[in-house]
N, C-alpha and C. Protein backbone atom coordinates (compact mmCIF):
# COMPACT_ATOMS: atom_id res chain seq x y z
N MET A 1 72.55 132.87 84.53
CA MET A 1 73.90 132.42 84.73
C MET A 1 74.86 133.55 84.34
N SER A 2 75.89 133.75 85.12
CA SER A 2 76.84 134.83 84.85
C SER A 2 77.73 134.48 83.67
N ALA A 3 78.29 135.53 83.06
CA ALA A 3 79.20 135.33 81.92
C ALA A 3 80.41 134.53 82.32
N ALA A 4 80.91 134.74 83.54
CA ALA A 4 82.09 134.00 84.01
C ALA A 4 81.80 132.51 84.12
N ALA A 5 80.57 132.14 84.50
CA ALA A 5 80.20 130.73 84.64
C ALA A 5 80.10 130.04 83.28
N GLU A 6 79.91 130.81 82.21
CA GLU A 6 79.79 130.24 80.88
C GLU A 6 81.11 130.19 80.13
N GLU A 7 82.19 130.67 80.76
CA GLU A 7 83.50 130.64 80.14
C GLU A 7 84.31 129.47 80.68
N LEU A 8 85.21 128.98 79.85
CA LEU A 8 86.05 127.86 80.22
C LEU A 8 87.51 128.24 79.97
N TYR A 9 88.31 128.17 81.01
CA TYR A 9 89.74 128.39 80.81
C TYR A 9 90.30 127.19 80.08
N SER A 10 91.01 127.45 79.00
CA SER A 10 91.53 126.40 78.14
C SER A 10 92.97 126.71 77.78
N LEU A 11 93.64 125.69 77.24
CA LEU A 11 95.00 125.86 76.75
C LEU A 11 95.03 125.57 75.27
N LEU A 12 95.69 126.44 74.52
CA LEU A 12 96.01 126.18 73.12
C LEU A 12 97.39 125.55 73.12
N VAL A 13 97.45 124.30 72.72
CA VAL A 13 98.70 123.53 72.75
C VAL A 13 99.27 123.47 71.34
N PRO A 14 100.44 124.09 71.11
CA PRO A 14 101.01 124.09 69.76
C PRO A 14 101.61 122.75 69.37
N LEU A 15 101.21 122.28 68.21
CA LEU A 15 101.78 121.08 67.62
C LEU A 15 102.58 121.52 66.40
N SER A 16 103.11 120.59 65.68
CA SER A 16 103.81 120.89 64.44
C SER A 16 102.76 121.13 63.36
N GLY A 17 102.49 122.39 63.03
CA GLY A 17 101.53 122.72 61.99
C GLY A 17 100.08 122.74 62.43
N ASP A 18 99.79 122.60 63.71
CA ASP A 18 98.42 122.60 64.20
C ASP A 18 98.41 123.00 65.66
N ARG A 19 97.23 123.03 66.26
CA ARG A 19 97.08 123.29 67.69
C ARG A 19 95.95 122.43 68.23
N LEU A 20 96.06 122.11 69.51
CA LEU A 20 94.97 121.48 70.25
C LEU A 20 94.37 122.53 71.17
N ILE A 21 93.09 122.39 71.48
CA ILE A 21 92.51 123.19 72.55
C ILE A 21 91.92 122.23 73.56
N VAL A 22 92.33 122.40 74.83
CA VAL A 22 91.91 121.50 75.90
C VAL A 22 91.52 122.32 77.13
N PRO A 23 90.58 121.83 77.93
CA PRO A 23 90.27 122.52 79.18
C PRO A 23 91.49 122.56 80.09
N ARG A 24 91.72 123.68 80.71
CA ARG A 24 92.86 123.83 81.62
C ARG A 24 92.82 122.78 82.73
N ALA A 25 91.65 122.40 83.16
CA ALA A 25 91.50 121.44 84.27
C ALA A 25 92.01 120.05 83.92
N CYS A 26 92.21 119.74 82.63
CA CYS A 26 92.74 118.43 82.20
C CYS A 26 94.25 118.33 82.35
N VAL A 27 94.90 119.47 82.54
CA VAL A 27 96.35 119.53 82.53
C VAL A 27 96.89 119.67 83.95
N ALA A 28 97.81 118.76 84.28
CA ALA A 28 98.44 118.81 85.60
C ALA A 28 99.60 119.79 85.62
N GLU A 29 100.39 119.79 84.53
CA GLU A 29 101.61 120.58 84.50
C GLU A 29 102.17 120.60 83.08
N VAL A 30 102.99 121.59 82.80
CA VAL A 30 103.77 121.63 81.56
C VAL A 30 105.23 121.60 82.00
N VAL A 31 105.99 120.63 81.47
CA VAL A 31 107.38 120.46 81.89
C VAL A 31 108.32 120.55 80.70
N ARG A 32 109.57 120.82 80.98
CA ARG A 32 110.56 120.89 79.90
C ARG A 32 110.75 119.50 79.32
N PHE A 33 111.20 119.46 78.10
CA PHE A 33 111.37 118.20 77.40
C PHE A 33 112.60 117.47 77.90
N SER A 34 112.46 116.18 78.11
CA SER A 34 113.60 115.28 78.31
C SER A 34 113.34 114.07 77.43
N THR A 35 114.38 113.49 76.90
CA THR A 35 114.24 112.40 75.94
C THR A 35 113.61 111.17 76.59
N PRO A 36 112.47 110.71 76.06
CA PRO A 36 111.83 109.51 76.62
C PRO A 36 112.64 108.25 76.33
N GLU A 37 112.54 107.28 77.23
CA GLU A 37 113.14 105.96 77.02
C GLU A 37 112.12 105.13 76.25
N HIS A 38 112.43 104.88 74.97
CA HIS A 38 111.51 104.17 74.08
C HIS A 38 111.46 102.70 74.44
N GLU A 39 110.24 102.16 74.50
CA GLU A 39 110.06 100.74 74.79
C GLU A 39 110.16 99.95 73.49
N ALA A 40 110.92 98.86 73.51
CA ALA A 40 111.06 98.01 72.31
C ALA A 40 109.69 97.48 71.90
N GLY A 41 109.40 97.54 70.61
CA GLY A 41 108.15 97.02 70.09
C GLY A 41 107.00 98.02 70.11
N ALA A 42 107.18 99.18 70.73
CA ALA A 42 106.11 100.18 70.77
C ALA A 42 106.03 100.92 69.44
N ARG A 43 104.85 101.40 69.12
CA ARG A 43 104.68 102.19 67.89
C ARG A 43 105.45 103.49 68.01
N ASP A 44 105.75 104.09 66.87
CA ASP A 44 106.55 105.31 66.85
C ASP A 44 105.93 106.46 67.63
N TRP A 45 104.60 106.60 67.59
CA TRP A 45 103.94 107.72 68.27
C TRP A 45 104.03 107.60 69.79
N MET A 46 104.23 106.37 70.27
CA MET A 46 104.46 106.15 71.71
C MET A 46 105.95 106.37 71.94
N LEU A 47 106.30 107.58 72.37
CA LEU A 47 107.70 107.98 72.44
C LEU A 47 108.47 107.28 73.56
N GLY A 48 107.77 106.85 74.61
CA GLY A 48 108.42 106.19 75.74
C GLY A 48 108.06 106.88 77.04
N ASN A 49 108.89 106.64 78.05
CA ASN A 49 108.64 107.20 79.38
C ASN A 49 109.74 108.19 79.77
N VAL A 50 109.33 109.21 80.51
CA VAL A 50 110.28 110.13 81.14
C VAL A 50 110.03 110.07 82.64
N ASN A 51 111.00 110.48 83.41
CA ASN A 51 110.85 110.55 84.85
C ASN A 51 110.16 111.87 85.18
N TRP A 52 108.99 111.78 85.79
CA TRP A 52 108.24 112.97 86.19
C TRP A 52 107.87 112.83 87.66
N ASN A 53 108.44 113.69 88.48
CA ASN A 53 108.18 113.66 89.93
C ASN A 53 108.42 112.28 90.54
N GLY A 54 109.48 111.61 90.06
CA GLY A 54 109.86 110.31 90.61
C GLY A 54 109.03 109.14 90.10
N ARG A 55 108.24 109.35 89.08
CA ARG A 55 107.43 108.26 88.53
C ARG A 55 107.54 108.26 87.01
N PRO A 56 107.32 107.11 86.38
CA PRO A 56 107.38 107.08 84.91
C PRO A 56 106.15 107.76 84.30
N LEU A 57 106.39 108.58 83.30
CA LEU A 57 105.32 109.27 82.61
C LEU A 57 105.37 108.86 81.14
N PRO A 58 104.35 108.13 80.65
CA PRO A 58 104.33 107.80 79.22
C PRO A 58 104.08 109.06 78.40
N VAL A 59 104.87 109.22 77.32
CA VAL A 59 104.78 110.41 76.48
C VAL A 59 104.46 109.99 75.05
N VAL A 60 103.51 110.71 74.43
CA VAL A 60 103.11 110.42 73.06
C VAL A 60 103.30 111.65 72.18
N SER A 61 103.40 111.38 70.89
CA SER A 61 103.37 112.43 69.88
C SER A 61 101.96 112.45 69.31
N PHE A 62 101.23 113.54 69.49
CA PHE A 62 99.88 113.63 68.96
C PHE A 62 99.91 113.58 67.44
N GLU A 63 100.91 114.23 66.85
CA GLU A 63 101.05 114.19 65.40
C GLU A 63 101.21 112.75 64.93
N GLY A 64 102.03 111.96 65.63
CA GLY A 64 102.23 110.56 65.30
C GLY A 64 100.95 109.75 65.45
N ALA A 65 100.16 110.04 66.49
CA ALA A 65 98.90 109.34 66.70
C ALA A 65 97.90 109.64 65.58
N LEU A 66 98.08 110.78 64.91
CA LEU A 66 97.24 111.12 63.76
C LEU A 66 97.76 110.51 62.47
N GLY A 67 98.91 109.82 62.55
CA GLY A 67 99.50 109.23 61.36
C GLY A 67 100.45 110.15 60.63
N ASN A 68 100.78 111.29 61.24
CA ASN A 68 101.69 112.25 60.64
C ASN A 68 103.11 112.03 61.13
N GLU A 69 104.03 112.75 60.54
CA GLU A 69 105.44 112.66 60.93
C GLU A 69 105.63 113.19 62.35
N ILE A 70 106.47 112.51 63.11
CA ILE A 70 106.76 112.92 64.48
C ILE A 70 107.78 114.05 64.44
N PRO A 71 107.46 115.19 65.06
CA PRO A 71 108.37 116.33 64.99
C PRO A 71 109.66 116.11 65.78
N VAL A 72 110.70 116.78 65.35
CA VAL A 72 111.98 116.75 66.03
C VAL A 72 111.91 117.70 67.23
N ALA A 73 112.46 117.28 68.34
CA ALA A 73 112.48 118.13 69.54
C ALA A 73 113.43 119.30 69.33
N THR A 74 112.98 120.48 69.79
CA THR A 74 113.79 121.70 69.71
C THR A 74 113.91 122.29 71.11
N GLY A 75 114.50 123.43 71.19
CA GLY A 75 114.62 124.12 72.48
C GLY A 75 113.29 124.58 73.04
N ARG A 76 112.27 124.68 72.19
CA ARG A 76 110.93 125.10 72.64
C ARG A 76 110.02 123.92 72.98
N THR A 77 110.46 122.71 72.69
CA THR A 77 109.63 121.53 72.93
C THR A 77 109.38 121.35 74.42
N ARG A 78 108.14 121.06 74.76
CA ARG A 78 107.72 120.80 76.14
C ARG A 78 106.86 119.54 76.16
N ILE A 79 106.54 119.11 77.36
CA ILE A 79 105.61 117.99 77.56
C ILE A 79 104.45 118.50 78.39
N VAL A 80 103.24 118.36 77.85
CA VAL A 80 102.04 118.72 78.59
C VAL A 80 101.58 117.46 79.31
N VAL A 81 101.51 117.54 80.64
CA VAL A 81 101.12 116.39 81.46
C VAL A 81 99.62 116.45 81.70
N PHE A 82 98.91 115.43 81.19
CA PHE A 82 97.46 115.34 81.34
C PHE A 82 97.09 114.37 82.45
N TYR A 83 95.99 114.65 83.13
CA TYR A 83 95.42 113.69 84.07
C TYR A 83 94.79 112.57 83.26
N ALA A 84 95.05 111.33 83.64
CA ALA A 84 94.41 110.18 82.98
C ALA A 84 93.04 110.00 83.65
N SER A 85 91.99 109.98 82.86
CA SER A 85 90.64 109.99 83.44
C SER A 85 89.92 108.64 83.40
N THR A 86 90.44 107.68 82.63
CA THR A 86 89.70 106.42 82.47
C THR A 86 90.13 105.33 83.43
N GLY A 87 91.24 105.53 84.13
CA GLY A 87 91.73 104.50 85.05
C GLY A 87 92.52 103.39 84.38
N GLN A 88 92.76 103.51 83.07
CA GLN A 88 93.49 102.47 82.34
C GLN A 88 95.01 102.56 82.52
N LEU A 89 95.50 103.73 82.88
CA LEU A 89 96.94 103.91 83.06
C LEU A 89 97.29 103.89 84.54
N LYS A 90 98.21 103.01 84.90
CA LYS A 90 98.63 102.88 86.30
C LYS A 90 99.23 104.17 86.83
N THR A 91 99.89 104.91 85.95
CA THR A 91 100.57 106.13 86.37
C THR A 91 99.60 107.25 86.75
N GLY A 92 98.38 107.23 86.18
CA GLY A 92 97.40 108.27 86.46
C GLY A 92 97.61 109.52 85.63
N TYR A 93 98.66 109.54 84.83
CA TYR A 93 98.99 110.69 84.01
C TYR A 93 99.60 110.21 82.69
N PHE A 94 99.59 111.07 81.69
CA PHE A 94 100.34 110.83 80.47
C PHE A 94 100.75 112.17 79.88
N GLY A 95 101.78 112.16 79.06
CA GLY A 95 102.30 113.39 78.49
C GLY A 95 102.13 113.44 76.99
N VAL A 96 101.94 114.64 76.47
CA VAL A 96 101.86 114.89 75.04
C VAL A 96 102.94 115.91 74.68
N LEU A 97 103.72 115.57 73.68
CA LEU A 97 104.77 116.45 73.20
C LEU A 97 104.14 117.69 72.58
N THR A 98 104.68 118.85 72.91
CA THR A 98 104.20 120.11 72.35
C THR A 98 105.36 120.87 71.74
N GLN A 99 105.09 121.63 70.71
CA GLN A 99 106.13 122.36 70.00
C GLN A 99 106.17 123.83 70.40
N GLY A 100 106.09 124.07 71.67
CA GLY A 100 106.12 125.43 72.20
C GLY A 100 105.34 125.49 73.50
N PHE A 101 105.20 126.69 73.99
CA PHE A 101 104.51 126.88 75.26
C PHE A 101 103.00 127.00 75.04
N PRO A 102 102.19 126.22 75.76
CA PRO A 102 100.75 126.37 75.64
C PRO A 102 100.30 127.77 76.06
N GLN A 103 99.24 128.24 75.44
CA GLN A 103 98.72 129.58 75.69
C GLN A 103 97.38 129.46 76.41
N LEU A 104 97.23 130.17 77.52
CA LEU A 104 95.98 130.16 78.27
C LEU A 104 94.97 131.09 77.58
N VAL A 105 93.77 130.57 77.32
CA VAL A 105 92.70 131.34 76.71
C VAL A 105 91.39 131.05 77.44
N ARG A 106 90.48 132.02 77.37
CA ARG A 106 89.13 131.80 77.89
C ARG A 106 88.20 131.65 76.69
N VAL A 107 87.38 130.63 76.71
CA VAL A 107 86.45 130.41 75.60
C VAL A 107 85.02 130.36 76.11
N ASN A 108 84.10 130.69 75.22
CA ASN A 108 82.68 130.57 75.50
C ASN A 108 81.97 130.22 74.20
N LYS A 109 80.68 130.02 74.27
CA LYS A 109 79.94 129.57 73.09
C LYS A 109 79.92 130.62 71.97
N ASP A 110 80.16 131.87 72.29
CA ASP A 110 80.19 132.91 71.26
C ASP A 110 81.50 132.91 70.48
N VAL A 111 82.56 132.40 71.08
CA VAL A 111 83.89 132.43 70.47
C VAL A 111 84.20 131.13 69.74
N LEU A 112 83.67 130.02 70.21
CA LEU A 112 83.99 128.69 69.68
C LEU A 112 82.88 128.19 68.76
N LYS A 113 83.23 127.88 67.51
CA LYS A 113 82.26 127.37 66.53
C LYS A 113 82.80 126.10 65.89
N LEU A 114 81.94 125.13 65.65
CA LEU A 114 82.33 123.90 64.97
C LEU A 114 82.79 124.21 63.55
N GLU A 115 83.94 123.67 63.17
CA GLU A 115 84.47 123.88 61.82
C GLU A 115 84.41 122.59 61.00
N ALA A 116 84.85 121.45 61.59
CA ALA A 116 84.86 120.19 60.83
C ALA A 116 84.86 119.00 61.78
N LYS A 117 84.19 117.92 61.36
CA LYS A 117 84.20 116.67 62.10
C LYS A 117 84.97 115.59 61.36
N GLU A 118 85.54 115.94 60.21
CA GLU A 118 86.26 114.98 59.38
C GLU A 118 87.58 115.58 58.93
N GLY A 119 88.44 114.72 58.37
CA GLY A 119 89.70 115.20 57.84
C GLY A 119 90.90 114.51 58.46
N TRP A 120 90.68 113.53 59.26
CA TRP A 120 91.73 112.74 59.89
C TRP A 120 91.26 111.29 59.92
N PRO A 121 92.18 110.34 60.15
CA PRO A 121 91.79 108.93 60.16
C PRO A 121 90.71 108.62 61.21
N ASP A 122 89.87 107.63 60.92
CA ASP A 122 88.78 107.25 61.84
C ASP A 122 89.29 106.90 63.24
N GLU A 123 90.46 106.27 63.31
CA GLU A 123 90.99 105.84 64.61
C GLU A 123 91.74 106.96 65.34
N ALA A 124 91.81 108.14 64.74
CA ALA A 124 92.53 109.26 65.33
C ALA A 124 91.82 109.76 66.59
N PRO A 125 92.58 110.18 67.59
CA PRO A 125 91.98 110.68 68.83
C PRO A 125 91.55 112.14 68.72
N VAL A 126 90.59 112.41 67.83
CA VAL A 126 90.10 113.77 67.59
C VAL A 126 88.58 113.77 67.56
N PHE A 127 87.97 114.71 68.28
CA PHE A 127 86.52 114.89 68.19
C PHE A 127 86.16 115.75 66.98
N CYS A 128 86.84 116.90 66.87
CA CYS A 128 86.50 117.83 65.79
C CYS A 128 87.53 118.95 65.72
N ARG A 129 87.37 119.79 64.72
CA ARG A 129 88.14 121.02 64.60
C ARG A 129 87.15 122.16 64.82
N VAL A 130 87.57 123.18 65.57
CA VAL A 130 86.71 124.32 65.84
C VAL A 130 87.35 125.60 65.30
N ARG A 131 86.52 126.61 65.16
CA ARG A 131 86.98 127.94 64.80
C ARG A 131 86.91 128.78 66.06
N MET A 132 88.01 129.43 66.37
CA MET A 132 88.08 130.30 67.54
C MET A 132 88.74 131.59 67.09
N ILE A 133 87.95 132.56 66.71
CA ILE A 133 88.40 133.82 66.13
C ILE A 133 89.25 133.50 64.90
N ASN A 134 90.58 133.66 64.96
CA ASN A 134 91.43 133.37 63.80
C ASN A 134 92.19 132.06 63.94
N GLU A 135 91.83 131.24 64.88
CA GLU A 135 92.48 129.94 65.11
C GLU A 135 91.53 128.83 64.70
N PHE A 136 92.11 127.67 64.35
CA PHE A 136 91.31 126.50 63.98
C PHE A 136 91.87 125.27 64.70
N PRO A 137 91.80 125.24 66.04
CA PRO A 137 92.39 124.12 66.78
C PRO A 137 91.54 122.86 66.73
N LEU A 138 92.21 121.75 67.03
CA LEU A 138 91.55 120.46 67.15
C LEU A 138 91.13 120.25 68.60
N ILE A 139 89.99 119.63 68.80
CA ILE A 139 89.59 119.19 70.13
C ILE A 139 89.93 117.70 70.21
N PRO A 140 90.92 117.36 71.04
CA PRO A 140 91.34 115.95 71.10
C PRO A 140 90.36 115.11 71.92
N ASP A 141 90.31 113.83 71.58
CA ASP A 141 89.57 112.85 72.36
C ASP A 141 90.60 112.24 73.31
N LEU A 142 90.75 112.84 74.48
CA LEU A 142 91.80 112.41 75.42
C LEU A 142 91.55 111.01 75.96
N GLU A 143 90.27 110.62 76.08
CA GLU A 143 89.98 109.25 76.53
C GLU A 143 90.42 108.23 75.48
N LYS A 144 90.20 108.54 74.22
CA LYS A 144 90.63 107.65 73.15
C LYS A 144 92.16 107.58 73.11
N LEU A 145 92.83 108.71 73.28
CA LEU A 145 94.29 108.72 73.32
C LEU A 145 94.80 107.90 74.49
N GLU A 146 94.15 108.03 75.63
CA GLU A 146 94.52 107.24 76.80
C GLU A 146 94.31 105.75 76.54
N ASP A 147 93.22 105.40 75.88
CA ASP A 147 92.94 104.01 75.53
C ASP A 147 94.02 103.47 74.58
N MET A 148 94.39 104.27 73.56
CA MET A 148 95.44 103.87 72.62
C MET A 148 96.75 103.63 73.38
N LEU A 149 97.05 104.52 74.30
CA LEU A 149 98.28 104.43 75.08
C LEU A 149 98.26 103.21 75.99
N ALA A 150 97.13 102.93 76.62
CA ALA A 150 97.02 101.75 77.50
C ALA A 150 97.19 100.46 76.69
N ARG A 151 96.56 100.39 75.51
CA ARG A 151 96.70 99.19 74.67
C ARG A 151 98.14 99.04 74.20
N GLU A 152 98.77 100.13 73.85
CA GLU A 152 100.15 100.09 73.38
C GLU A 152 101.10 99.66 74.50
N SER A 153 100.85 100.12 75.70
CA SER A 153 101.67 99.77 76.85
C SER A 153 101.58 98.29 77.18
N GLN A 154 100.40 97.70 76.98
CA GLN A 154 100.21 96.27 77.23
C GLN A 154 100.92 95.42 76.20
N GLN A 155 100.97 95.90 74.95
CA GLN A 155 101.57 95.12 73.86
C GLN A 155 103.09 95.22 73.85
N ALA A 156 103.62 96.35 74.32
CA ALA A 156 105.07 96.56 74.25
C ALA A 156 105.79 95.71 75.28
């Protein structure tokens, strides 16, 4: 197998005090921040919906989903639009607030090493933390996040 076939284009998504690493293929687009319309009764981490390409896009704070403080939006805040893969969201997409511009990186098994499988709440949408040279990003469980979002949308 060629070296190119063993590499995965990924995005390092900056959060407040942390980063996520996700396959580039999971991301539809990165858009500028607009204030979501919060649904009454929704949890704080469920920020609400924004208009994205003429359709409602539910937006979440990953920090909030981890039980941490929700960051304040700044001029660098963006929304990373993910493809919904479980079929639970009617929109087919959901957004995650980011605290800067995601960075495109190529990863392979020589660069990525498991660092930790613990350190966040059991219900948190995280698989693990990895070591990638001098970075220690989280690998999110996007299906779990989508499930949390679908349940929250039904209750709100």
